[in-house]
C-alpha atoms as a PDB file:
ATOM      1  CA  UNK A   1      -2.051 -21.443  70.370  1.00  0.00           C
ATOM      2  CA  UNK A   2      -0.591 -18.128  71.529  1.00  0.00           C
ATOM      3  CA  UNK A   3      -2.224 -14.806  70.701  1.00  0.00           C
ATOM      4  CA  UNK A   4       0.786 -13.878  68.503  1.00  0.00           C
ATOM      5  CA  UNK A   5       0.547 -17.163  66.597  1.00  0.00           C
ATOM      6  CA  UNK A   6      -3.218 -16.844  66.136  1.00  0.00           C
ATOM      7  CA  UNK A   7      -2.831 -13.320  64.804  1.00  0.00           C
ATOM      8  CA  UNK A   8      -0.163 -14.423  62.332  1.00  0.00           C
ATOM      9  CA  UNK A   9      -2.363 -17.276  61.087  1.00  0.00           C
ATOM     10  CA  UNK A  10      -5.325 -14.942  60.674  1.00  0.00           C
ATOM     11  CA  UNK A  11      -3.277 -12.431  58.693  1.00  0.00           C
ATOM     12  CA  UNK A  12      -1.950 -15.198  56.472  1.00  0.00           C
ATOM     13  CA  UNK A  13      -5.502 -16.409  55.743  1.00  0.00           C
ATOM     14  CA  UNK A  14      -6.671 -12.876  54.908  1.00  0.00           C
ATOM     15  CA  UNK A  15      -3.733 -12.354  52.550  1.00  0.00           C
ATOM     16  CA  UNK A  16      -4.431 -15.665  50.838  1.00  0.00           C
ATOM     17  CA  UNK A  17      -8.092 -14.775  50.338  1.00  0.00           C
ATOM     18  CA  UNK A  18      -7.187 -11.383  48.904  1.00  0.00           C
ATOM     19  CA  UNK A  19      -4.744 -12.933  46.467  1.00  0.00           C
ATOM     20  CA  UNK A  20      -7.286 -15.517  45.405  1.00  0.00           C
ATOM     21  CA  UNK A  21      -9.853 -12.791  44.777  1.00  0.00           C
ATOM     22  CA  UNK A  22      -7.421 -10.817  42.633  1.00  0.00           C
ATOM     23  CA  UNK A  23      -6.699 -13.861  40.537  1.00  0.00           C
ATOM     24  CA  UNK A  24     -10.377 -14.216  39.565  1.00  0.00           C
ATOM     25  CA  UNK A  25     -10.660 -10.759  38.027  1.00  0.00           C
ATOM     26  CA  UNK A  26      -9.543  -9.901  34.513  1.00  0.00           C
ATOM     27  CA  UNK A  27      -6.656  -7.382  34.486  1.00  0.00           C
ATOM     28  CA  UNK A  28      -7.507  -3.776  33.642  1.00  0.00           C
ATOM     29  CA  UNK A  29      -6.818  -2.549  30.114  1.00  0.00           C
ATOM     30  CA  UNK A  30      -4.756   0.390  31.335  1.00  0.00           C
ATOM     31  CA  UNK A  31      -1.809  -0.353  33.628  1.00  0.00           C
ATOM     32  CA  UNK A  32      -1.597   1.593  36.855  1.00  0.00           C
ATOM     33  CA  UNK A  33       1.690   3.360  37.441  1.00  0.00           C
ATOM     34  CA  UNK A  34       3.612   1.594  34.632  1.00  0.00           C
ATOM     35  CA  UNK A  35       7.309   1.971  34.038  1.00  0.00           C
ATOM     36  CA  UNK A  36       8.262   4.154  31.084  1.00  0.00           C
ATOM     37  CA  UNK A  37      10.250   3.395  27.971  1.00  0.00           C
ATOM     38  CA  UNK A  38      13.049   5.502  26.582  1.00  0.00           C
ATOM     39  CA  UNK A  39      10.566   7.603  24.545  1.00  0.00           C
ATOM     40  CA  UNK A  40       8.433   8.301  27.626  1.00  0.00           C
ATOM     41  CA  UNK A  41       5.462   6.092  26.749  1.00  0.00           C
ATOM     42  CA  UNK A  42       3.881   3.458  28.937  1.00  0.00           C
ATOM     43  CA  UNK A  43       5.543   0.082  29.008  1.00  0.00           C
ATOM     44  CA  UNK A  44       3.356  -2.988  29.332  1.00  0.00           C
ATOM     45  CA  UNK A  45       2.702  -4.073  32.894  1.00  0.00           C
ATOM     46  CA  UNK A  46       2.242  -7.756  32.237  1.00  0.00           C
ATOM     47  CA  UNK A  47       2.177 -10.550  29.693  1.00  0.00           C
ATOM     48  CA  UNK A  48       0.702 -10.203  26.233  1.00  0.00           C
ATOM     49  CA  UNK A  49      -2.552 -11.787  25.107  1.00  0.00           C
ATOM     50  CA  UNK A  50      -1.086 -12.246  21.608  1.00  0.00           C
ATOM     51  CA  UNK A  51       0.322 -15.504  20.275  1.00  0.00           C
ATOM     52  CA  UNK A  52       4.082 -16.034  19.993  1.00  0.00           C
ATOM     53  CA  UNK A  53       5.080 -18.180  17.009  1.00  0.00           C
ATOM     54  CA  UNK A  54       7.595 -20.809  18.187  1.00  0.00           C
ATOM     55  CA  UNK A  55       8.740 -21.260  14.577  1.00  0.00           C
ATOM     56  CA  UNK A  56       9.329 -17.626  13.679  1.00  0.00           C
ATOM     57  CA  UNK A  57      12.509 -16.602  11.889  1.00  0.00           C
ATOM     58  CA  UNK A  58      13.755 -15.107  15.144  1.00  0.00           C
ATOM     59  CA  UNK A  59      13.044 -18.302  17.098  1.00  0.00           C
ATOM     60  CA  UNK A  60      14.880 -20.424  14.539  1.00  0.00           C
ATOM     61  CA  UNK A  61      17.784 -17.964  14.594  1.00  0.00           C
ATOM     62  CA  UNK A  62      18.022 -18.249  18.366  1.00  0.00           C
ATOM     63  CA  UNK A  63      18.344 -22.008  18.020  1.00  0.00           C
ATOM     64  CA  UNK A  64      21.068 -21.604  15.390  1.00  0.00           C
ATOM     65  CA  UNK A  65      22.998 -19.218  17.621  1.00  0.00           C
ATOM     66  CA  UNK A  66      22.760 -21.689  20.496  1.00  0.00           C
ATOM     67  CA  UNK A  67      24.031 -24.523  18.286  1.00  0.00           C
ATOM     68  CA  UNK A  68      26.955 -22.295  17.258  1.00  0.00           C
ATOM     69  CA  UNK A  69      27.793 -21.470  20.862  1.00  0.00           C
ATOM     70  CA  UNK A  70      26.742 -17.820  20.435  1.00  0.00           C
ATOM     71  CA  UNK A  71      24.861 -17.843  23.727  1.00  0.00           C
ATOM     72  CA  UNK A  72      24.934 -14.090  24.315  1.00  0.00           C
ATOM     73  CA  UNK A  73      23.569 -13.362  20.835  1.00  0.00           C
ATOM     74  CA  UNK A  74      20.871 -15.983  21.422  1.00  0.00           C
ATOM     75  CA  UNK A  75      19.936 -14.344  24.717  1.00  0.00           C
ATOM     76  CA  UNK A  76      19.665 -10.914  23.134  1.00  0.00           C
ATOM     77  CA  UNK A  77      17.668 -12.124  20.131  1.00  0.00           C
ATOM     78  CA  UNK A  78      15.089 -13.645  22.463  1.00  0.00           C
ATOM     79  CA  UNK A  79      13.891 -10.066  22.903  1.00  0.00           C
ATOM     80  CA  UNK A  80      12.299 -10.660  19.504  1.00  0.00           C
ATOM     81  CA  UNK A  81      11.795 -14.427  19.462  1.00  0.00           C
ATOM     82  CA  UNK A  82       9.864 -14.511  22.741  1.00  0.00           C
ATOM     83  CA  UNK A  83       7.423 -11.787  21.724  1.00  0.00           C
ATOM     84  CA  UNK A  84       4.417 -11.870  19.387  1.00  0.00           C
ATOM     85  CA  UNK A  85       4.822 -10.493  15.884  1.00  0.00           C
ATOM     86  CA  UNK A  86       2.290 -10.286  13.073  1.00  0.00           C
ATOM     87  CA  UNK A  87       2.033 -12.979  10.431  1.00  0.00           C
ATOM     88  CA  UNK A  88       1.997 -11.780   6.802  1.00  0.00           C
ATOM     89  CA  UNK A  89       0.492 -14.660   4.774  1.00  0.00           C
ATOM     90  CA  UNK A  90       2.097 -14.646   1.332  1.00  0.00           C
ATOM     91  CA  UNK A  91       1.315 -16.235  -2.006  1.00  0.00           C
ATOM     92  CA  UNK A  92      -1.932 -17.084  -3.738  1.00  0.00           C
ATOM     93  CA  UNK A  93      -3.123 -19.383  -0.958  1.00  0.00           C
ATOM     94  CA  UNK A  94      -3.010 -17.872   2.548  1.00  0.00           C
ATOM     95  CA  UNK A  95      -4.954 -20.721   4.139  1.00  0.00           C
ATOM     96  CA  UNK A  96      -2.144 -23.049   5.330  1.00  0.00           C
ATOM     97  CA  UNK A  97      -0.208 -20.276   7.053  1.00  0.00           C
ATOM     98  CA  UNK A  98      -3.287 -18.802   8.710  1.00  0.00           C
ATOM     99  CA  UNK A  99      -4.538 -22.214   9.808  1.00  0.00           C
ATOM    100  CA  UNK A 100      -1.222 -23.006  11.510  1.00  0.00           C
ATOM    101  CA  UNK A 101      -1.269 -19.695  13.363  1.00  0.00           C
ATOM    102  CA  UNK A 102      -4.876 -19.796  14.544  1.00  0.00           C
ATOM    103  CA  UNK A 103      -4.475 -23.379  15.765  1.00  0.00           C
ATOM    104  CA  UNK A 104      -1.357 -22.436  17.688  1.00  0.00           C
ATOM    105  CA  UNK A 105      -3.062 -19.402  19.199  1.00  0.00           C
ATOM    106  CA  UNK A 106      -6.240 -21.321  20.093  1.00  0.00           C
ATOM    107  CA  UNK A 107      -4.231 -23.985  21.899  1.00  0.00           C
ATOM    108  CA  UNK A 108      -2.875 -21.262  24.193  1.00  0.00           C
ATOM    109  CA  UNK A 109      -6.100 -19.212  24.342  1.00  0.00           C
ATOM    110  CA  UNK A 110      -4.389 -16.258  22.687  1.00  0.00           C
ATOM    111  CA  UNK A 111      -5.056 -13.898  19.783  1.00  0.00           C
ATOM    112  CA  UNK A 112      -3.241 -14.262  16.471  1.00  0.00           C
ATOM    113  CA  UNK A 113      -2.203 -11.080  14.633  1.00  0.00           C
ATOM    114  CA  UNK A 114      -2.160 -10.948  10.835  1.00  0.00           C
ATOM    115  CA  UNK A 115      -1.490  -8.508   8.026  1.00  0.00           C
ATOM    116  CA  UNK A 116      -3.528  -8.731   4.829  1.00  0.00           C
ATOM    117  CA  UNK A 117      -1.140  -7.360   2.195  1.00  0.00           C
ATOM    118  CA  UNK A 118      -2.115  -8.367  -1.323  1.00  0.00           C
ATOM    119  CA  UNK A 119      -3.977  -5.433  -2.890  1.00  0.00           C
ATOM    120  CA  UNK A 120      -3.538  -5.084  -6.667  1.00  0.00           C
ATOM    121  CA  UNK A 121      -0.861  -2.560  -7.744  1.00  0.00           C
ATOM    122  CA  UNK A 122       0.734  -2.876  -4.307  1.00  0.00           C
ATOM    123  CA  UNK A 123       3.441  -0.414  -3.222  1.00  0.00           C
ATOM    124  CA  UNK A 124       3.317   1.473  -6.533  1.00  0.00           C
ATOM    125  CA  UNK A 125       5.798  -0.965  -8.056  1.00  0.00           C
ATOM    126  CA  UNK A 126       8.483  -0.200  -5.456  1.00  0.00           C
ATOM    127  CA  UNK A 127      10.392  -2.568  -3.111  1.00  0.00           C
ATOM    128  CA  UNK A 128       7.262  -4.456  -2.029  1.00  0.00           C
ATOM    129  CA  UNK A 129       5.579  -4.517  -5.415  1.00  0.00           C
ATOM    130  CA  UNK A 130       3.207  -7.342  -6.187  1.00  0.00           C
ATOM    131  CA  UNK A 131      -0.221  -8.270  -4.910  1.00  0.00           C
ATOM    132  CA  UNK A 132      -3.180  -9.905  -6.619  1.00  0.00           C
ATOM    133  CA  UNK A 133      -3.173  -9.580 -10.387  1.00  0.00           C
ATOM    134  CA  UNK A 134      -6.728  -8.221 -10.540  1.00  0.00           C
ATOM    135  CA  UNK A 135      -9.801  -7.380  -8.484  1.00  0.00           C
ATOM    136  CA  UNK A 136     -11.363 -10.817  -8.854  1.00  0.00           C
ATOM    137  CA  UNK A 137      -8.221 -12.553  -7.621  1.00  0.00           C
ATOM    138  CA  UNK A 138      -8.090 -10.218  -4.625  1.00  0.00           C
ATOM    139  CA  UNK A 139     -11.689 -10.912  -3.675  1.00  0.00           C
ATOM    140  CA  UNK A 140     -11.007 -14.648  -3.798  1.00  0.00           C
ATOM    141  CA  UNK A 141      -7.837 -14.208  -1.737  1.00  0.00           C
ATOM    142  CA  UNK A 142      -9.599 -12.181   0.964  1.00  0.00           C
ATOM    143  CA  UNK A 143     -12.434 -14.692   1.068  1.00  0.00           C
ATOM    144  CA  UNK A 144      -9.923 -17.503   1.627  1.00  0.00           C
ATOM    145  CA  UNK A 145      -8.096 -15.413   4.231  1.00  0.00           C
ATOM    146  CA  UNK A 146     -11.267 -14.704   6.184  1.00  0.00           C
ATOM    147  CA  UNK A 147     -12.530 -18.258   5.930  1.00  0.00           C
ATOM    148  CA  UNK A 148      -9.269 -19.594   7.354  1.00  0.00           C
ATOM    149  CA  UNK A 149      -9.683 -17.362  10.422  1.00  0.00           C
ATOM    150  CA  UNK A 150     -12.913 -19.120  11.270  1.00  0.00           C
ATOM    151  CA  UNK A 151     -14.042 -18.388  14.811  1.00  0.00           C
ATOM    152  CA  UNK A 152     -10.539 -17.790  16.146  1.00  0.00           C
ATOM    153  CA  UNK A 153      -9.612 -14.664  18.041  1.00  0.00           C
ATOM    154  CA  UNK A 154      -7.662 -12.569  15.538  1.00  0.00           C
ATOM    155  CA  UNK A 155      -6.539  -9.070  14.637  1.00  0.00           C
ATOM    156  CA  UNK A 156      -6.045  -8.156  10.985  1.00  0.00           C
ATOM    157  CA  UNK A 157      -4.157  -5.047   9.897  1.00  0.00           C
ATOM    158  CA  UNK A 158      -5.604  -4.424   6.462  1.00  0.00           C
ATOM    159  CA  UNK A 159      -3.388  -3.438   3.538  1.00  0.00           C
ATOM    160  CA  UNK A 160      -0.494  -1.311   4.786  1.00  0.00           C
ATOM    161  CA  UNK A 161       0.100   1.748   2.583  1.00  0.00           C
ATOM    162  CA  UNK A 162      -2.979   1.173   0.402  1.00  0.00           C
ATOM    163  CA  UNK A 163      -4.916   4.248   1.569  1.00  0.00           C
ATOM    164  CA  UNK A 164      -1.902   6.579   2.008  1.00  0.00           C
ATOM    165  CA  UNK A 165      -0.761   5.750  -1.536  1.00  0.00           C
ATOM    166  CA  UNK A 166      -4.152   6.947  -2.754  1.00  0.00           C
ATOM    167  CA  UNK A 167      -3.724  10.164  -0.777  1.00  0.00           C
ATOM    168  CA  UNK A 168      -0.165  10.957  -1.881  1.00  0.00           C
ATOM    169  CA  UNK A 169      -0.910  10.266  -5.535  1.00  0.00           C
ATOM    170  CA  UNK A 170       1.501   7.363  -5.884  1.00  0.00           C
ATOM    171  CA  UNK A 171      -1.274   5.004  -6.982  1.00  0.00           C
ATOM    172  CA  UNK A 172      -2.495   6.069 -10.464  1.00  0.00           C
ATOM    173  CA  UNK A 173      -5.927   7.705 -10.516  1.00  0.00           C
ATOM    174  CA  UNK A 174      -7.414   5.007 -12.745  1.00  0.00           C
ATOM    175  CA  UNK A 175      -7.015   2.504  -9.897  1.00  0.00           C
ATOM    176  CA  UNK A 176      -8.559   4.617  -7.128  1.00  0.00           C
ATOM    177  CA  UNK A 177     -12.221   3.613  -7.371  1.00  0.00           C
ATOM    178  CA  UNK A 178     -11.338  -0.064  -7.642  1.00  0.00           C
ATOM    179  CA  UNK A 179      -9.069   0.120  -4.604  1.00  0.00           C
ATOM    180  CA  UNK A 180     -11.630   1.882  -2.441  1.00  0.00           C
ATOM    181  CA  UNK A 181     -14.190  -0.740  -3.383  1.00  0.00           C
ATOM    182  CA  UNK A 182     -11.849  -3.643  -2.695  1.00  0.00           C
ATOM    183  CA  UNK A 183     -10.829  -2.285   0.708  1.00  0.00           C
ATOM    184  CA  UNK A 184     -14.441  -1.702   1.769  1.00  0.00           C
ATOM    185  CA  UNK A 185     -15.366  -5.206   0.618  1.00  0.00           C
ATOM    186  CA  UNK A 186     -12.386  -6.658   2.473  1.00  0.00           C
ATOM    187  CA  UNK A 187     -13.438  -4.966   5.708  1.00  0.00           C
ATOM    188  CA  UNK A 188     -16.961  -6.313   5.318  1.00  0.00           C
ATOM    189  CA  UNK A 189     -15.773  -9.844   4.520  1.00  0.00           C
ATOM    190  CA  UNK A 190     -13.307 -10.034   7.400  1.00  0.00           C
ATOM    191  CA  UNK A 191     -15.851  -8.665   9.866  1.00  0.00           C
ATOM    192  CA  UNK A 192     -18.164 -11.586   9.141  1.00  0.00           C
ATOM    193  CA  UNK A 193     -15.802 -13.647  11.262  1.00  0.00           C
ATOM    194  CA  UNK A 194     -17.182 -13.430  14.803  1.00  0.00           C
ATOM    195  CA  UNK A 195     -13.922 -12.814  16.678  1.00  0.00           C
ATOM    196  CA  UNK A 196     -11.879 -10.911  14.093  1.00  0.00           C
ATOM    197  CA  UNK A 197     -10.932  -7.279  14.641  1.00  0.00           C
ATOM    198  CA  UNK A 198      -9.919  -5.250  11.589  1.00  0.00           C
ATOM    199  CA  UNK A 199      -7.770  -2.102  11.487  1.00  0.00           C
ATOM    200  CA  UNK A 200      -7.469  -0.269   8.180  1.00  0.00           C
ATOM    201  CA  UNK A 201      -3.979   1.099   7.645  1.00  0.00           C
ATOM    202  CA  UNK A 202      -3.563   4.888   7.679  1.00  0.00           C
ATOM    203  CA  UNK A 203       0.206   5.306   7.280  1.00  0.00           C
ATOM    204  CA  UNK A 204       2.214   7.421   9.705  1.00  0.00           C
ATOM    205  CA  UNK A 205       2.490  11.106  10.633  1.00  0.00           C
ATOM    206  CA  UNK A 206       5.778  11.571   8.767  1.00  0.00           C
ATOM    207  CA  UNK A 207       4.064  10.513   5.533  1.00  0.00           C
ATOM    208  CA  UNK A 208       0.631  12.153   5.532  1.00  0.00           C
ATOM    209  CA  UNK A 209       1.208  14.845   8.137  1.00  0.00           C
ATOM    210  CA  UNK A 210      -2.294  16.363   7.973  1.00  0.00           C
ATOM    211  CA  UNK A 211      -4.800  13.853   9.400  1.00  0.00           C
ATOM    212  CA  UNK A 212      -7.611  15.703   7.668  1.00  0.00           C
ATOM    213  CA  UNK A 213      -6.372  14.411   4.305  1.00  0.00           C
ATOM    214  CA  UNK A 214      -7.003  10.838   5.437  1.00  0.00           C
ATOM    215  CA  UNK A 215     -10.566  11.229   6.638  1.00  0.00           C
ATOM    216  CA  UNK A 216     -12.559  10.888   3.418  1.00  0.00           C
ATOM    217  CA  UNK A 217     -10.251   8.214   1.944  1.00  0.00           C
ATOM    218  CA  UNK A 218     -10.580   6.098   5.097  1.00  0.00           C
ATOM    219  CA  UNK A 219     -14.344   6.511   5.045  1.00  0.00           C
ATOM    220  CA  UNK A 220     -14.518   5.436   1.409  1.00  0.00           C
ATOM    221  CA  UNK A 221     -12.343   2.438   2.292  1.00  0.00           C
ATOM    222  CA  UNK A 222     -14.817   1.274   4.943  1.00  0.00           C
ATOM    223  CA  UNK A 223     -13.260   2.387   8.225  1.00  0.00           C
ATOM    224  CA  UNK A 224     -16.713   2.900   9.764  1.00  0.00           C
ATOM    225  CA  UNK A 225     -17.298  -0.852   9.551  1.00  0.00           C
ATOM    226  CA  UNK A 226     -13.822  -1.762  10.814  1.00  0.00           C
ATOM    227  CA  UNK A 227     -12.643  -1.705  14.418  1.00  0.00           C
ATOM    228  CA  UNK A 228     -10.500   1.321  13.649  1.00  0.00           C
ATOM    229  CA  UNK A 229      -7.275   2.188  11.853  1.00  0.00           C
ATOM    230  CA  UNK A 230      -3.618   1.275  12.210  1.00  0.00           C
ATOM    231  CA  UNK A 231      -0.621   3.610  12.319  1.00  0.00           C
ATOM    232  CA  UNK A 232       3.166   3.464  11.963  1.00  0.00           C
ATOM    233  CA  UNK A 233       3.271   0.087  10.193  1.00  0.00           C
ATOM    234  CA  UNK A 234       6.898  -0.662   9.254  1.00  0.00           C
ATOM    235  CA  UNK A 235       7.908   2.841  10.336  1.00  0.00           C
ATOM    236  CA  UNK A 236       9.889   4.376  13.171  1.00  0.00           C
ATOM    237  CA  UNK A 237       7.887   7.366  14.456  1.00  0.00           C
ATOM    238  CA  UNK A 238       7.839   7.550  18.250  1.00  0.00           C
ATOM    239  CA  UNK A 239       4.823   6.176  20.070  1.00  0.00           C
ATOM    240  CA  UNK A 240       4.139   9.582  21.605  1.00  0.00           C
ATOM    241  CA  UNK A 241       4.095  11.259  18.170  1.00  0.00           C
ATOM    242  CA  UNK A 242       1.880   8.575  16.682  1.00  0.00           C
ATOM    243  CA  UNK A 243      -0.563   8.666  19.583  1.00  0.00           C
ATOM    244  CA  UNK A 244      -0.990  12.412  19.183  1.00  0.00           C
ATOM    245  CA  UNK A 245      -1.560  12.095  15.449  1.00  0.00           C
ATOM    246  CA  UNK A 246      -3.932   9.189  15.989  1.00  0.00           C
ATOM    247  CA  UNK A 247      -5.971  11.135  18.534  1.00  0.00           C
ATOM    248  CA  UNK A 248      -6.445  13.970  16.042  1.00  0.00           C
ATOM    249  CA  UNK A 249      -7.452  11.566  13.277  1.00  0.00           C
ATOM    250  CA  UNK A 250      -9.757   9.726  15.675  1.00  0.00           C
ATOM    251  CA  UNK A 251     -11.500  12.985  16.518  1.00  0.00           C
ATOM    252  CA  UNK A 252     -12.175  13.578  12.829  1.00  0.00           C
ATOM    253  CA  UNK A 253     -13.569  10.063  12.491  1.00  0.00           C
ATOM    254  CA  UNK A 254     -16.005  10.209  15.380  1.00  0.00           C
ATOM    255  CA  UNK A 255     -13.765   8.615  18.001  1.00  0.00           C
ATOM    256  CA  UNK A 256     -12.391   5.667  16.021  1.00  0.00           C
ATOM    257  CA  UNK A 257      -9.849   3.539  17.884  1.00  0.00           C
ATOM    258  CA  UNK A 258      -6.428   2.617  16.506  1.00  0.00           C
ATOM    259  CA  UNK A 259      -3.361   0.436  16.911  1.00  0.00           C
ATOM    260  CA  UNK A 260       0.306   1.464  16.781  1.00  0.00           C
ATOM    261  CA  UNK A 261       3.207  -0.523  15.330  1.00  0.00           C
ATOM    262  CA  UNK A 262       5.958  -0.205  17.945  1.00  0.00           C
ATOM    263  CA  UNK A 263       8.218  -2.926  16.542  1.00  0.00           C
ATOM    264  CA  UNK A 264      11.195  -0.702  15.702  1.00  0.00           C
ATOM    265  CA  UNK A 265      10.477   2.744  17.123  1.00  0.00           C
ATOM    266  CA  UNK A 266      12.402   2.554  20.404  1.00  0.00           C
ATOM    267  CA  UNK A 267      14.849   5.232  19.259  1.00  0.00           C
ATOM    268  CA  UNK A 268      12.460   7.007  16.918  1.00  0.00           C
ATOM    269  CA  UNK A 269      13.134   7.752  13.243  1.00  0.00           C
ATOM    270  CA  UNK A 270      16.522   8.271  11.633  1.00  0.00           C
ATOM    271  CA  UNK A 271      17.477  11.955  12.027  1.00  0.00           C
ATOM    272  CA  UNK A 272      17.094  13.967   8.837  1.00  0.00           C
ATOM    273  CA  UNK A 273      14.514  13.785   6.120  1.00  0.00           C
ATOM    274  CA  UNK A 274      16.203  11.670   3.485  1.00  0.00           C
ATOM    275  CA  UNK A 275      14.016   9.985   0.898  1.00  0.00           C
ATOM    276  CA  UNK A 276      14.820   6.543   2.295  1.00  0.00           C
ATOM    277  CA  UNK A 277      14.950   7.317   6.015  1.00  0.00           C
ATOM    278  CA  UNK A 278      12.352   4.558   6.388  1.00  0.00           C
ATOM    279  CA  UNK A 279      14.425   1.867   4.659  1.00  0.00           C
ATOM    280  CA  UNK A 280      16.645  -0.218   6.964  1.00  0.00           C
ATOM    281  CA  UNK A 281      17.830   2.850   8.893  1.00  0.00           C
ATOM    282  CA  UNK A 282      20.865   2.186  11.101  1.00  0.00           C
ATOM    283  CA  UNK A 283      20.918   2.600  14.864  1.00  0.00           C
ATOM    284  CA  UNK A 284      17.236   1.876  15.527  1.00  0.00           C
ATOM    285  CA  UNK A 285      15.836  -0.153  18.444  1.00  0.00           C
ATOM    286  CA  UNK A 286      12.861  -2.292  19.388  1.00  0.00           C
ATOM    287  CA  UNK A 287       9.951  -0.358  20.851  1.00  0.00           C
ATOM    288  CA  UNK A 288       7.274  -1.107  23.436  1.00  0.00           C
ATOM    289  CA  UNK A 289       6.506  -4.850  23.420  1.00  0.00           C
ATOM    290  CA  UNK A 290       3.090  -5.886  22.086  1.00  0.00           C
ATOM    291  CA  UNK A 291       0.259  -5.383  24.550  1.00  0.00           C
ATOM    292  CA  UNK A 292      -3.373  -4.346  24.752  1.00  0.00           C
ATOM    293  CA  UNK A 293      -2.685  -2.595  28.051  1.00  0.00           C
ATOM    294  CA  UNK A 294      -1.843   0.771  26.543  1.00  0.00           C
ATOM    295  CA  UNK A 295      -3.213   3.131  29.181  1.00  0.00           C
ATOM    296  CA  UNK A 296      -4.916   5.086  26.367  1.00  0.00           C
ATOM    297  CA  UNK A 297      -8.621   4.554  25.716  1.00  0.00           C
ATOM    298  CA  UNK A 298      -8.201   5.236  21.991  1.00  0.00           C
ATOM    299  CA  UNK A 299      -5.244   2.888  21.482  1.00  0.00           C
ATOM    300  CA  UNK A 300      -6.487  -0.686  21.385  1.00  0.00           C
ATOM    301  CA  UNK A 301      -3.007  -2.200  21.189  1.00  0.00           C
ATOM    302  CA  UNK A 302       0.671  -1.709  20.606  1.00  0.00           C
ATOM    303  CA  UNK A 303       1.596  -4.361  18.043  1.00  0.00           C
ATOM    304  CA  UNK A 304       4.745  -5.540  16.334  1.00  0.00           C
ATOM    305  CA  UNK A 305       3.256  -5.450  12.860  1.00  0.00           C
ATOM    306  CA  UNK A 306       6.535  -5.218  10.998  1.00  0.00           C
ATOM    307  CA  UNK A 307       8.525  -8.293  11.966  1.00  0.00           C
ATOM    308  CA  UNK A 308      11.729  -6.925  13.555  1.00  0.00           C
ATOM    309  CA  UNK A 309      14.600  -8.226  11.465  1.00  0.00           C
ATOM    310  CA  UNK A 310      12.734  -8.394   8.152  1.00  0.00           C
ATOM    311  CA  UNK A 311      14.381  -6.153   5.576  1.00  0.00           C
ATOM    312  CA  UNK A 312      12.600  -3.088   4.204  1.00  0.00           C
ATOM    313  CA  UNK A 313      14.229  -3.660   0.827  1.00  0.00           C
ATOM    314  CA  UNK A 314      17.589  -3.684  -0.980  1.00  0.00           C
ATOM    315  CA  UNK A 315      18.894  -0.501   0.602  1.00  0.00           C
ATOM    316  CA  UNK A 316      21.821  -0.016   2.991  1.00  0.00           C
ATOM    317  CA  UNK A 317      23.027  -3.510   2.226  1.00  0.00           C
ATOM    318  CA  UNK A 318      19.721  -5.218   2.989  1.00  0.00           C
ATOM    319  CA  UNK A 319      18.186  -8.212   1.194  1.00  0.00           C
ATOM    320  CA  UNK A 320      14.855  -8.109  -0.658  1.00  0.00           C
ATOM    321  CA  UNK A 321      11.874  -6.645   1.194  1.00  0.00           C
ATOM    322  CA  UNK A 322      10.420  -9.062   3.743  1.00  0.00           C
ATOM    323  CA  UNK A 323      13.555 -11.224   3.902  1.00  0.00           C
ATOM    324  CA  UNK A 324      14.896 -12.161   7.336  1.00  0.00           C
ATOM    325  CA  UNK A 325      18.120 -10.256   8.082  1.00  0.00           C
ATOM    326  CA  UNK A 326      19.643 -11.586  11.322  1.00  0.00           C
ATOM    327  CA  UNK A 327      22.321  -8.904  11.677  1.00  0.00           C
ATOM    328  CA  UNK A 328      19.731  -6.132  11.533  1.00  0.00           C
ATOM    329  CA  UNK A 329      17.495  -8.021  13.965  1.00  0.00           C
ATOM    330  CA  UNK A 330      20.359  -8.432  16.418  1.00  0.00           C
ATOM    331  CA  UNK A 331      21.114  -4.717  16.261  1.00  0.00           C
ATOM    332  CA  UNK A 332      17.499  -3.791  17.006  1.00  0.00           C
ATOM    333  CA  UNK A 333      17.468  -6.167  19.969  1.00  0.00           C
ATOM    334  CA  UNK A 334      20.843  -5.015  21.349  1.00  0.00           C
ATOM    335  CA  UNK A 335      19.741  -1.387  21.413  1.00  0.00           C
ATOM    336  CA  UNK A 336      16.414  -2.134  23.124  1.00  0.00           C
ATOM    337  CA  UNK A 337      15.922  -1.305  26.774  1.00  0.00           C
ATOM    338  CA  UNK A 338      15.116  -4.917  27.647  1.00  0.00           C
END
């Protein structure tokens, strides 16, 4: 063997050993030198640890587009269908839906993401009105929800809007004590599951703009026993804005961590301050794909909590809240960076 050949072989062996060593280590939580998104925040550097539902509305829509020969629309909509979104178990019995998701996630060694959204007097009787009919029914529902999670790896975003509606006065005062108690009990019940992380919803900075107003309500709702709080659920505030707000709120809560819903914030909120700027606003785009590699020690994950393509309600021509709206989904995906 020539000296040149021997050197080449040696270098090849060294490179192979280095690559093998890298493969044994778990990837760092914060990406090094990540690309940036259009709003200047870190884009994920690798795959997501969260489960992608192969039977989501977006996945089924992709298949329909392909059957119709709409191959370009199918390709674009995969920007939603191929990414993990939260599951919002509906109805009086959440068990079947949760069981399907945790089994799917376990088979792939991934984490399932859920939203618990069934508090009594939900949404102040507005577009997403509903929820359990009383406190007893809610306790039973949460118990079933938690039991269905079992020992699976899961994240639960707990009751979007429930705390902010206490702060802004939308929820009548006679329901406040009950709601605080139910939220604190829900945190405690969910945290009995060994691999469940719970984030108590805290709204968004365009809603309750002073984080100090959220501190005592979140404490009464049990945030100290949760894994942190969630921000920007179903809203469009930029990731940079939300991170700054979250850092201030975290400081007031002793360093609590948080998650950010980036599902539709790629172009930020609709300009102007109209009363329904949050409801199916035109011209919006998908945000940073779901990842736990946020590059921010306080931000545990960027999640797609709101399912991109689900309507916010019957405004701007949309269907009922939570209903799949393929045209809106396609618009969000078309305007995304990738």
